[in-house]
Protein backbone atom coordinates (compact mmCIF):
# COMPACT_ATOMS: atom_id res chain seq x y z
CA UNK A 1 -20.54 -49.27 42.70
CA UNK A 2 -19.24 -47.34 39.75
CA UNK A 3 -22.95 -46.18 38.48
CA UNK A 4 -23.87 -44.87 41.87
CA UNK A 5 -20.74 -42.44 42.02
CA UNK A 6 -21.00 -41.55 38.86
CA UNK A 7 -24.60 -40.47 39.26
CA UNK A 8 -23.75 -39.16 42.50
CA UNK A 9 -21.08 -36.86 40.53
CA UNK A 10 -23.63 -35.92 37.81
CA UNK A 11 -26.48 -34.88 39.77
CA UNK A 12 -24.18 -32.62 42.47
CA UNK A 13 -25.69 -29.44 43.06
CA UNK A 14 -27.28 -29.52 39.77
CA UNK A 15 -31.36 -29.23 40.43
CA UNK A 16 -31.81 -29.97 36.73
CA UNK A 17 -30.15 -33.06 36.87
CA UNK A 18 -31.27 -33.79 40.37
CA UNK A 19 -34.72 -33.67 38.90
CA UNK A 20 -34.30 -36.29 36.28
CA UNK A 21 -32.46 -38.43 38.14
CA UNK A 22 -35.40 -38.68 40.73
CA UNK A 23 -37.65 -38.91 37.96
CA UNK A 24 -35.86 -41.65 36.64
CA UNK A 25 -36.45 -44.04 40.19
CA UNK A 26 -32.34 -43.11 40.82
CA UNK A 27 -33.01 -42.95 44.52
CA UNK A 28 -34.71 -46.05 44.69
CA UNK A 29 -31.72 -47.65 43.03
CA UNK A 30 -29.49 -46.07 45.44
CA UNK A 31 -31.24 -47.28 48.54
CA UNK A 32 -31.66 -50.44 47.19
CA UNK A 33 -27.73 -50.59 46.53
CA UNK A 34 -27.24 -50.20 50.37
CA UNK A 35 -30.00 -52.61 51.43
CA UNK A 36 -28.44 -55.38 49.38
CA UNK A 37 -25.50 -56.06 51.39
CA UNK A 38 -24.47 -53.91 54.29
CA UNK A 39 -21.20 -55.66 54.10
CA UNK A 40 -19.92 -54.47 50.84
CA UNK A 41 -18.32 -51.26 52.11
CA UNK A 42 -17.49 -49.97 48.86
CA UNK A 43 -21.18 -50.54 47.57
CA UNK A 44 -22.56 -49.02 50.29
CA UNK A 45 -20.00 -45.91 50.62
CA UNK A 46 -20.76 -45.13 46.53
CA UNK A 47 -24.32 -45.39 47.30
CA UNK A 48 -23.97 -43.07 50.37
CA UNK A 49 -22.10 -40.46 48.11
CA UNK A 50 -25.29 -40.97 45.45
CA UNK A 51 -27.99 -40.63 47.98
CA UNK A 52 -26.80 -37.29 49.31
CA UNK A 53 -25.84 -35.73 45.98
CA UNK A 54 -29.47 -36.58 44.57
CA UNK A 55 -31.35 -35.23 47.23
CA UNK A 56 -29.53 -31.84 48.87
CA UNK A 57 -31.73 -29.24 48.15
CA UNK A 58 -33.87 -31.83 46.42
CA UNK A 59 -37.12 -31.16 48.82
CA UNK A 60 -38.72 -33.74 47.09
CA UNK A 61 -35.68 -36.31 47.30
CA UNK A 62 -35.12 -35.87 50.53
CA UNK A 63 -38.75 -36.13 51.47
CA UNK A 64 -38.73 -39.33 49.35
CA UNK A 65 -35.51 -40.54 51.11
CA UNK A 66 -36.76 -39.73 54.92
CA UNK A 67 -40.52 -40.95 54.32
CA UNK A 68 -40.91 -43.74 51.67
CA UNK A 69 -37.22 -45.26 52.26
CA UNK A 70 -37.31 -44.91 56.37
CA UNK A 71 -33.56 -43.09 55.33
CA UNK A 72 -32.90 -42.60 58.97
CA UNK A 73 -33.33 -45.92 60.05
CA UNK A 74 -31.56 -47.27 56.99
CA UNK A 75 -28.41 -44.74 58.10
CA UNK A 76 -28.71 -45.89 61.43
CA UNK A 77 -28.50 -49.49 60.08
CA UNK A 78 -25.25 -48.67 58.28
CA UNK A 79 -23.82 -46.92 61.62
CA UNK A 80 -24.40 -49.87 63.30
CA UNK A 81 -21.53 -52.14 64.19
CA UNK A 82 -20.74 -55.19 61.98
CA UNK A 83 -18.98 -57.90 62.26
CA UNK A 84 -15.21 -57.90 60.47
CA UNK A 85 -12.85 -61.27 59.78
CA UNK A 86 -9.49 -61.14 61.09
CA UNK A 87 -7.47 -61.53 57.57
CA UNK A 88 -8.49 -58.22 55.94
CA UNK A 89 -9.74 -56.23 59.19
CA UNK A 90 -7.13 -53.51 59.15
CA UNK A 91 -8.03 -52.43 54.79
CA UNK A 92 -12.25 -53.51 56.04
CA UNK A 93 -11.84 -51.19 58.80
CA UNK A 94 -10.86 -48.00 56.42
CA UNK A 95 -13.47 -48.66 53.93
CA UNK A 96 -15.87 -49.15 57.13
CA UNK A 97 -14.65 -45.77 58.53
CA UNK A 98 -15.33 -44.43 54.98
CA UNK A 99 -18.92 -45.61 54.74
CA UNK A 100 -19.93 -44.31 58.36
CA UNK A 101 -18.34 -41.14 57.78
CA UNK A 102 -20.57 -40.51 54.49
CA UNK A 103 -23.65 -42.20 56.79
CA UNK A 104 -22.82 -39.97 59.53
CA UNK A 105 -22.72 -36.04 57.11
CA UNK A 106 -26.02 -37.50 55.33
CA UNK A 107 -28.07 -37.89 58.66
CA UNK A 108 -26.06 -34.38 59.88
CA UNK A 109 -27.83 -32.89 56.67
CA UNK A 110 -30.96 -34.49 57.37
CA UNK A 111 -31.29 -33.41 60.88
CA UNK A 112 -30.28 -30.16 59.70
CA UNK A 113 -31.87 -29.10 56.55
CA UNK A 114 -34.19 -31.79 55.82
CA UNK A 115 -37.87 -30.21 55.01
CA UNK A 116 -40.51 -30.65 57.93
């Protein structure tokens, strides 16, 4: 989980770092983190911090996310409602809200700025 957050911080708005991380297949690893367990909101949120920082203004990364990793479908899956146990509902709801916020901003980026 922490690696996804660290990666997101390292590549944020630094084209050379984005390129290097992309070449090391970091995007695939972040996508796998999201796909592995959608119920783990912390893991998904940290990965959704890393993905946009890796692909923002990096056309090859954006295209790979959308086409190769079916990124839009993945975001919609993250945004879909999930069942939450009553015992941790308040805490878990806050985590889900943070996850949804990251997913929504990523989707907004793709709609507004993604290369054709």
